[in-house]
Amino acid sequence: MTINRQWRLAKRPVGMVGPNNFEFIETTVPKVQAQQILIKNLYFSFDPTQRGWMVDQPSYLPPVALGEVMRAGTVGQVVLSNHDDFSEGDLVQTMGGWQDYAVITPGEGVMGVTKVPEGVTPEMMLSVIGLTGITAYFGLLELGQPKAGETVLVSGAAGATGSVASQIAKIKGCRVVGIAGGPEKCEWLTEVAGLDAAIDYKQGNLDEQIAEACPDKWDVFFDNVGGDTLEAALNHLNLYSRVVMCGGISGYNAEEPIPGPSNLMNLVTNRARMEGFIILDYMPRAMEAIQDLMGWVMSGDLKFQVDVQEGFENIPDTLRRLYTGENHGKQLLKLADPS
């Protein structure tokens, strides 16, 4: 336990992010001070928002500095503890970054550190009951406020967050239509996740496909994509509908700003509401979401899928998979099983 491999941000991306934006470094394992713990990272989470963290501009978190270890959520195992609440061998979720070992001070940082509950796998902790699931839960229920019988449209519906939001809408008694890319993803949405319909945005005119799949229009749009997808959706909203702005993956790697929808006035004429959110605002209430999500997973009402790559050398390429649509469900990378 002397070498700590790291991927650090070497240059800020312009356009599509790639391995050339990062630098591989081998350094020593950091020292552990009082009230700190040393984590050995086992699984890495890959999230579209990571692309935004690389841009040098104000946001809800400071940008990753050049030369700094790339920020990322992880599940790891405590290998050394100087903190009374943690013991060697504990599995924890934290923001460990792209490195083998991380020193964490519980109670500090973006996410702090949370013990993985008994019976919960690292894959579950970084997907359906982790930040991904919690994001879907509060975004849909607090902002979307779906009511039984309403139609909910979800973009990026086969992705990590969209798939959970879609199924929560079904659990709440809604008719749910998902937008995804490719027949395999669409089949998963209808045959496994139980959605009422799935639209393959790669096949034909998206505006026409939404009109066909939502003959009574939609009441809630949970948007993870933005851009042309948002514009097409805004042609089919009902009176008093709600748009939940969760993400805009279509523009994260664009070299120029994506133009705004040309039909925003549809919000006015339909007395609709569009609202964005950041999940960090809801973290004090995380256990509300976790309890419901766990219950739905255990009952079989909530399905999830993870795309697990392997190998430390493949970390930068695995991030890129999010933006090319190669991932199926939550994108993870595994280094090792818990000891």
Protein backbone atom coordinates (compact mmCIF):
# COMPACT_ATOMS: atom_id res chain seq x y z
CA MET A 1 0.00 0.00 0.00
CA THR A 2 2.57 2.53 -1.12
CA ILE A 3 1.53 3.53 -4.66
CA ASN A 4 -1.53 5.63 -5.37
CA ARG A 5 -2.53 5.76 -9.04
CA GLN A 6 -4.39 8.89 -10.09
CA TRP A 7 -6.00 10.47 -13.12
CA ARG A 8 -5.67 14.26 -12.91
CA LEU A 9 -7.25 16.95 -15.06
CA ALA A 10 -4.50 18.04 -17.47
CA LYS A 11 -6.37 20.42 -19.77
CA ARG A 12 -9.90 21.68 -20.00
CA PRO A 13 -11.95 20.04 -22.73
CA VAL A 14 -13.23 21.85 -25.79
CA GLY A 15 -15.91 19.76 -27.42
CA MET A 16 -15.97 16.05 -26.64
CA VAL A 17 -14.03 15.10 -23.53
CA GLY A 18 -11.41 12.40 -24.00
CA PRO A 19 -8.37 10.69 -22.48
CA ASN A 20 -6.11 13.54 -23.66
CA ASN A 21 -7.76 15.80 -21.08
CA PHE A 22 -6.29 13.75 -18.25
CA GLU A 23 -2.84 12.79 -17.01
CA PHE A 24 -1.95 9.50 -15.34
CA ILE A 25 0.17 9.90 -12.21
CA GLU A 26 1.65 7.51 -9.67
CA THR A 27 2.25 9.01 -6.25
CA THR A 28 2.43 7.86 -2.65
CA VAL A 29 -0.57 6.96 -0.53
CA PRO A 30 -1.53 10.05 1.52
CA LYS A 31 -1.03 10.20 5.28
CA VAL A 32 -4.02 9.96 7.59
CA GLN A 33 -4.44 12.61 10.26
CA ALA A 34 -6.64 12.71 13.34
CA GLN A 35 -10.39 12.33 12.61
CA GLN A 36 -9.69 11.08 9.09
CA ILE A 37 -10.05 7.75 7.31
CA LEU A 38 -8.17 6.22 4.39
CA ILE A 39 -10.40 4.74 1.67
CA LYS A 40 -9.41 2.21 -0.97
CA ASN A 41 -11.69 2.95 -3.93
CA LEU A 42 -13.43 -0.09 -5.39
CA TYR A 43 -16.07 1.37 -7.73
CA PHE A 44 -16.25 4.69 -9.59
CA SER A 45 -19.45 6.50 -10.56
CA PHE A 46 -19.66 8.30 -13.91
CA ASP A 47 -22.17 11.11 -14.22
CA PRO A 48 -22.91 13.62 -17.00
CA THR A 49 -22.34 16.52 -14.61
CA GLN A 50 -18.63 15.65 -14.44
CA ARG A 51 -18.18 17.35 -17.81
CA GLY A 52 -19.43 20.60 -16.29
CA TRP A 53 -17.00 20.31 -13.39
CA MET A 54 -14.11 20.55 -15.84
CA VAL A 55 -15.15 23.97 -17.15
CA ASP A 56 -13.56 27.00 -15.51
CA GLN A 57 -16.70 28.94 -14.72
CA PRO A 58 -18.93 29.49 -11.68
CA SER A 59 -21.35 26.69 -10.89
CA TYR A 60 -22.91 24.91 -7.93
CA LEU A 61 -19.45 23.42 -7.20
CA PRO A 62 -16.01 24.90 -7.84
CA PRO A 63 -14.43 23.63 -11.07
CA VAL A 64 -11.84 20.87 -10.85
CA ALA A 65 -8.48 22.64 -10.91
CA LEU A 66 -5.84 21.78 -13.49
CA GLY A 67 -3.51 19.23 -11.94
CA GLU A 68 -6.17 18.12 -9.47
CA VAL A 69 -7.47 14.55 -9.16
CA MET A 70 -10.67 14.28 -11.20
CA ARG A 71 -13.72 14.53 -8.97
CA ALA A 72 -15.97 11.48 -8.88
CA GLY A 73 -18.26 9.59 -6.58
CA THR A 74 -16.92 6.26 -5.34
CA VAL A 75 -17.63 3.29 -3.16
CA GLY A 76 -14.58 2.18 -1.24
CA GLN A 77 -13.41 0.26 1.79
CA VAL A 78 -11.86 1.77 4.89
CA VAL A 79 -8.29 0.50 5.21
CA LEU A 80 -7.20 2.80 8.04
CA SER A 81 -9.33 4.78 10.47
CA ASN A 82 -8.53 7.54 12.92
CA HIS A 83 -12.23 8.27 13.42
CA ASP A 84 -14.46 6.70 16.07
CA ASP A 85 -17.43 6.25 13.72
CA PHE A 86 -15.57 4.18 11.14
CA SER A 87 -13.68 0.89 11.33
CA GLU A 88 -11.30 -0.87 9.00
CA GLY A 89 -13.33 -2.93 6.55
CA ASP A 90 -16.35 -0.62 6.43
CA LEU A 91 -17.77 -0.04 2.95
CA VAL A 92 -18.51 3.63 2.33
CA GLN A 93 -19.76 5.97 -0.36
CA THR A 94 -17.94 9.27 -0.79
CA MET A 95 -16.36 11.59 -3.34
CA GLY A 96 -13.09 9.69 -3.58
CA GLY A 97 -12.03 10.86 -7.05
CA TRP A 98 -10.14 9.04 -9.77
CA GLN A 99 -7.49 7.42 -7.59
CA ASP A 100 -6.79 4.20 -5.73
CA TYR A 101 -6.73 5.75 -2.26
CA ALA A 102 -8.37 8.83 -0.78
CA VAL A 103 -8.12 10.45 2.65
CA ILE A 104 -11.56 11.58 3.78
CA THR A 105 -12.57 13.76 6.72
CA PRO A 106 -16.10 12.66 7.69
CA GLY A 107 -18.48 15.60 7.86
CA GLU A 108 -16.57 17.62 5.28
CA GLY A 109 -16.60 17.82 1.50
CA VAL A 110 -19.29 17.72 -1.16
CA MET A 111 -20.86 14.42 -0.14
CA GLY A 112 -19.23 13.61 3.16
CA VAL A 113 -19.01 9.87 3.70
CA THR A 114 -21.87 7.38 4.14
CA LYS A 115 -21.67 3.76 5.22
CA VAL A 116 -23.08 1.28 2.73
CA PRO A 117 -26.05 -0.43 4.44
CA GLU A 118 -25.95 -4.16 5.06
CA GLY A 119 -27.15 -6.10 2.03
CA VAL A 120 -26.65 -3.22 -0.39
CA THR A 121 -24.12 -3.80 -3.18
CA PRO A 122 -21.68 -1.13 -4.39
CA GLU A 123 -23.56 -1.12 -7.71
CA MET A 124 -26.83 -0.29 -5.94
CA MET A 125 -25.20 2.33 -3.74
CA LEU A 126 -23.88 4.22 -6.77
CA SER A 127 -27.07 3.92 -8.79
CA VAL A 128 -30.62 3.24 -7.77
CA ILE A 129 -30.35 4.19 -4.07
CA GLY A 130 -27.41 6.56 -4.41
CA LEU A 131 -27.29 10.10 -5.80
CA THR A 132 -28.78 8.88 -9.08
CA GLY A 133 -31.91 7.47 -7.51
CA ILE A 134 -32.22 10.33 -5.03
CA THR A 135 -32.00 12.81 -7.92
CA ALA A 136 -34.80 11.06 -9.79
CA TYR A 137 -36.92 10.84 -6.63
CA PHE A 138 -36.86 14.47 -5.56
CA GLY A 139 -36.76 15.87 -9.08
CA LEU A 140 -39.89 14.02 -10.13
CA LEU A 141 -41.90 14.13 -6.91
CA GLU A 142 -40.99 17.58 -5.59
CA LEU A 143 -40.82 19.51 -8.86
CA GLY A 144 -42.87 17.37 -11.24
CA GLN A 145 -45.61 16.56 -8.71
CA PRO A 146 -47.15 13.82 -10.88
CA LYS A 147 -50.74 12.81 -10.25
CA ALA A 148 -52.29 9.44 -11.01
CA GLY A 149 -53.65 9.36 -14.54
CA GLU A 150 -51.35 12.07 -15.88
CA THR A 151 -48.89 11.52 -18.72
CA VAL A 152 -45.20 11.79 -17.86
CA LEU A 153 -42.60 12.13 -20.63
CA VAL A 154 -38.96 11.41 -19.77
CA SER A 155 -35.91 12.10 -21.94
CA GLY A 156 -32.76 10.06 -21.43
CA ALA A 157 -35.19 7.50 -20.08
CA ALA A 158 -32.84 4.52 -20.34
CA GLY A 159 -30.10 6.36 -18.48
CA ALA A 160 -29.36 6.10 -14.79
CA THR A 161 -31.58 8.94 -13.58
CA GLY A 162 -34.22 8.83 -16.29
CA SER A 163 -34.94 5.14 -15.81
CA VAL A 164 -35.60 5.62 -12.10
CA ALA A 165 -37.74 8.73 -12.65
CA SER A 166 -39.77 6.86 -15.28
CA GLN A 167 -40.52 3.97 -12.97
CA ILE A 168 -41.40 6.18 -10.01
CA ALA A 169 -43.95 7.86 -12.27
CA LYS A 170 -45.42 4.43 -13.06
CA ILE A 171 -45.51 3.57 -9.36
CA LYS A 172 -47.48 6.79 -8.81
CA GLY A 173 -50.10 5.69 -11.35
CA CYS A 174 -49.08 7.74 -14.38
CA ARG A 175 -48.92 6.88 -18.05
CA VAL A 176 -45.20 7.08 -18.86
CA VAL A 177 -43.44 7.58 -22.19
CA GLY A 178 -39.66 7.38 -22.39
CA ILE A 179 -37.30 8.81 -25.00
CA ALA A 180 -34.09 6.83 -25.59
CA GLY A 181 -31.58 6.04 -28.32
CA GLY A 182 -31.75 2.68 -30.07
CA PRO A 183 -34.13 -0.31 -30.14
CA GLU A 184 -32.34 -2.18 -27.33
CA LYS A 185 -32.81 0.66 -24.87
CA CYS A 186 -36.41 1.19 -25.91
CA GLU A 187 -37.17 -2.50 -25.50
CA TRP A 188 -35.72 -2.43 -21.97
CA LEU A 189 -37.97 0.49 -21.10
CA THR A 190 -41.18 -1.23 -22.18
CA GLU A 191 -40.38 -4.88 -21.45
CA VAL A 192 -38.40 -4.57 -18.21
CA ALA A 193 -39.10 -1.15 -16.72
CA GLY A 194 -42.78 -1.37 -17.68
CA LEU A 195 -43.22 1.97 -19.45
CA ASP A 196 -46.31 2.44 -21.59
CA ALA A 197 -44.34 3.53 -24.65
CA ALA A 198 -40.77 4.28 -25.73
CA ILE A 199 -39.60 6.65 -28.45
CA ASP A 200 -36.34 5.99 -30.32
CA TYR A 201 -35.13 9.51 -31.08
CA LYS A 202 -32.75 8.07 -33.69
CA GLN A 203 -35.70 6.88 -35.80
CA GLY A 204 -37.65 9.58 -37.57
CA ASN A 205 -38.97 12.97 -36.57
CA LEU A 206 -38.97 13.35 -32.77
CA ASP A 207 -41.78 15.92 -32.78
CA GLU A 208 -44.03 13.54 -34.71
CA GLN A 209 -43.07 10.59 -32.51
CA ILE A 210 -43.98 12.51 -29.34
CA ALA A 211 -47.33 13.48 -30.86
CA GLU A 212 -48.06 9.81 -31.65
CA ALA A 213 -46.91 8.45 -28.28
CA CYS A 214 -48.68 11.23 -26.31
CA PRO A 215 -52.04 11.68 -28.06
CA ASP A 216 -53.36 13.56 -25.02
CA LYS A 217 -50.10 15.51 -24.71
CA TRP A 218 -48.07 15.39 -21.48
CA ASP A 219 -48.39 16.84 -18.00
CA VAL A 220 -44.85 16.34 -16.69
CA PHE A 221 -41.64 16.36 -18.71
CA PHE A 222 -38.55 15.12 -16.85
CA ASP A 223 -35.72 16.36 -19.07
CA ASN A 224 -32.16 15.05 -18.96
CA VAL A 225 -31.23 16.08 -22.51
CA GLY A 226 -32.19 19.66 -23.41
CA GLY A 227 -31.55 21.05 -26.89
CA ASP A 228 -33.72 19.81 -29.74
CA THR A 229 -35.37 17.23 -27.48
CA LEU A 230 -36.64 19.93 -25.13
CA GLU A 231 -37.88 22.01 -28.05
CA ALA A 232 -39.78 19.07 -29.54
CA ALA A 233 -41.36 18.23 -26.19
CA LEU A 234 -42.54 21.79 -25.61
CA ASN A 235 -44.83 21.46 -28.63
CA HIS A 236 -46.97 18.92 -26.74
CA LEU A 237 -47.54 20.21 -23.23
CA ASN A 238 -50.89 20.38 -21.49
CA LEU A 239 -52.36 23.22 -19.44
CA TYR A 240 -50.56 23.66 -16.12
CA SER A 241 -47.85 21.16 -17.06
CA ARG A 242 -44.47 20.97 -15.31
CA VAL A 243 -41.02 20.71 -16.87
CA VAL A 244 -38.31 19.34 -14.57
CA MET A 245 -34.88 20.45 -15.75
CA CYS A 246 -32.56 17.74 -14.47
CA GLY A 247 -29.79 17.91 -17.08
CA GLY A 248 -28.81 18.83 -20.62
CA ILE A 249 -26.52 16.08 -21.85
CA SER A 250 -27.02 17.08 -25.49
CA GLY A 251 -24.97 20.22 -24.91
CA TYR A 252 -22.33 19.17 -22.39
CA ASN A 253 -19.68 18.56 -25.06
CA ALA A 254 -20.81 21.20 -27.55
CA GLU A 255 -18.13 23.61 -28.69
CA GLU A 256 -20.67 26.45 -28.91
CA PRO A 257 -23.61 27.17 -26.60
CA ILE A 258 -26.76 25.28 -27.58
CA PRO A 259 -29.52 27.68 -28.72
CA GLY A 260 -32.50 27.91 -26.41
CA PRO A 261 -35.87 26.48 -27.50
CA SER A 262 -37.67 28.74 -29.95
CA ASN A 263 -41.06 27.83 -28.48
CA LEU A 264 -40.69 28.87 -24.84
CA MET A 265 -43.84 30.96 -25.19
CA ASN A 266 -45.75 27.67 -25.10
CA LEU A 267 -45.07 27.77 -21.36
CA VAL A 268 -46.95 31.06 -21.16
CA THR A 269 -49.96 30.10 -23.25
CA ASN A 270 -50.32 26.80 -21.35
CA ARG A 271 -49.63 28.34 -17.91
CA ALA A 272 -46.83 25.83 -17.48
CA ARG A 273 -43.83 25.82 -15.16
CA MET A 274 -40.18 24.97 -15.92
CA GLU A 275 -37.80 24.54 -12.99
CA GLY A 276 -34.28 23.32 -12.47
CA PHE A 277 -32.73 21.82 -9.35
CA ILE A 278 -29.49 20.58 -7.84
CA ILE A 279 -29.69 17.43 -5.75
CA LEU A 280 -27.29 18.79 -3.11
CA ASP A 281 -30.18 20.97 -1.88
CA TYR A 282 -32.14 17.83 -0.98
CA MET A 283 -29.40 15.78 0.68
CA PRO A 284 -30.59 16.58 4.24
CA ARG A 285 -33.72 14.62 3.27
CA ALA A 286 -31.89 11.78 1.53
CA MET A 287 -33.21 9.07 3.86
CA GLU A 288 -36.77 9.82 2.72
CA ALA A 289 -35.78 8.84 -0.79
CA ILE A 290 -33.56 5.91 0.21
CA GLN A 291 -36.31 4.25 2.25
CA ASP A 292 -38.83 4.45 -0.58
CA LEU A 293 -36.31 3.45 -3.26
CA MET A 294 -35.14 0.42 -1.26
CA GLY A 295 -38.74 -0.63 -0.70
CA TRP A 296 -39.53 -0.43 -4.40
CA VAL A 297 -36.37 -2.35 -5.33
CA MET A 298 -37.14 -5.10 -2.82
CA SER A 299 -40.75 -5.39 -4.01
CA GLY A 300 -39.64 -5.62 -7.64
CA ASP A 301 -41.46 -2.43 -8.64
CA LEU A 302 -38.21 -0.64 -9.45
CA LYS A 303 -35.74 -2.22 -11.86
CA PHE A 304 -32.26 -0.91 -12.49
CA GLN A 305 -29.36 -1.70 -14.78
CA VAL A 306 -25.68 -0.95 -14.43
CA ASP A 307 -22.97 -0.85 -17.09
CA VAL A 308 -19.76 -1.92 -15.36
CA GLN A 309 -16.41 -1.41 -17.06
CA GLU A 310 -13.15 -2.56 -15.46
CA GLY A 311 -9.54 -1.42 -15.20
CA PHE A 312 -7.96 1.76 -13.86
CA GLU A 313 -6.49 2.52 -17.29
CA ASN A 314 -10.01 2.65 -18.77
CA ILE A 315 -11.38 5.37 -16.49
CA PRO A 316 -11.17 8.31 -18.98
CA ASP A 317 -12.70 6.25 -21.80
CA THR A 318 -15.50 5.13 -19.52
CA LEU A 319 -16.52 8.74 -18.89
CA ARG A 320 -16.71 9.32 -22.62
CA ARG A 321 -19.24 6.48 -22.96
CA LEU A 322 -21.85 8.66 -21.25
CA TYR A 323 -21.76 11.21 -24.06
CA THR A 324 -21.69 8.77 -26.96
CA GLY A 325 -24.68 6.80 -25.67
CA GLU A 326 -22.75 3.55 -25.29
CA ASN A 327 -23.77 3.05 -21.67
CA HIS A 328 -26.85 1.05 -20.71
CA GLY A 329 -28.14 2.36 -17.40
CA LYS A 330 -25.81 3.63 -14.72
CA GLN A 331 -22.17 3.83 -15.86
CA LEU A 332 -19.70 2.41 -13.35
CA LEU A 333 -16.14 1.14 -13.35
CA LYS A 334 -14.92 -1.59 -11.02
CA LEU A 335 -11.42 -1.91 -9.65
CA ALA A 336 -11.93 -4.69 -7.13
CA ASP A 337 -14.40 -6.49 -4.90
CA PRO A 338 -14.51 -5.70 -1.18
CA SER A 339 -12.02 -7.77 0.79
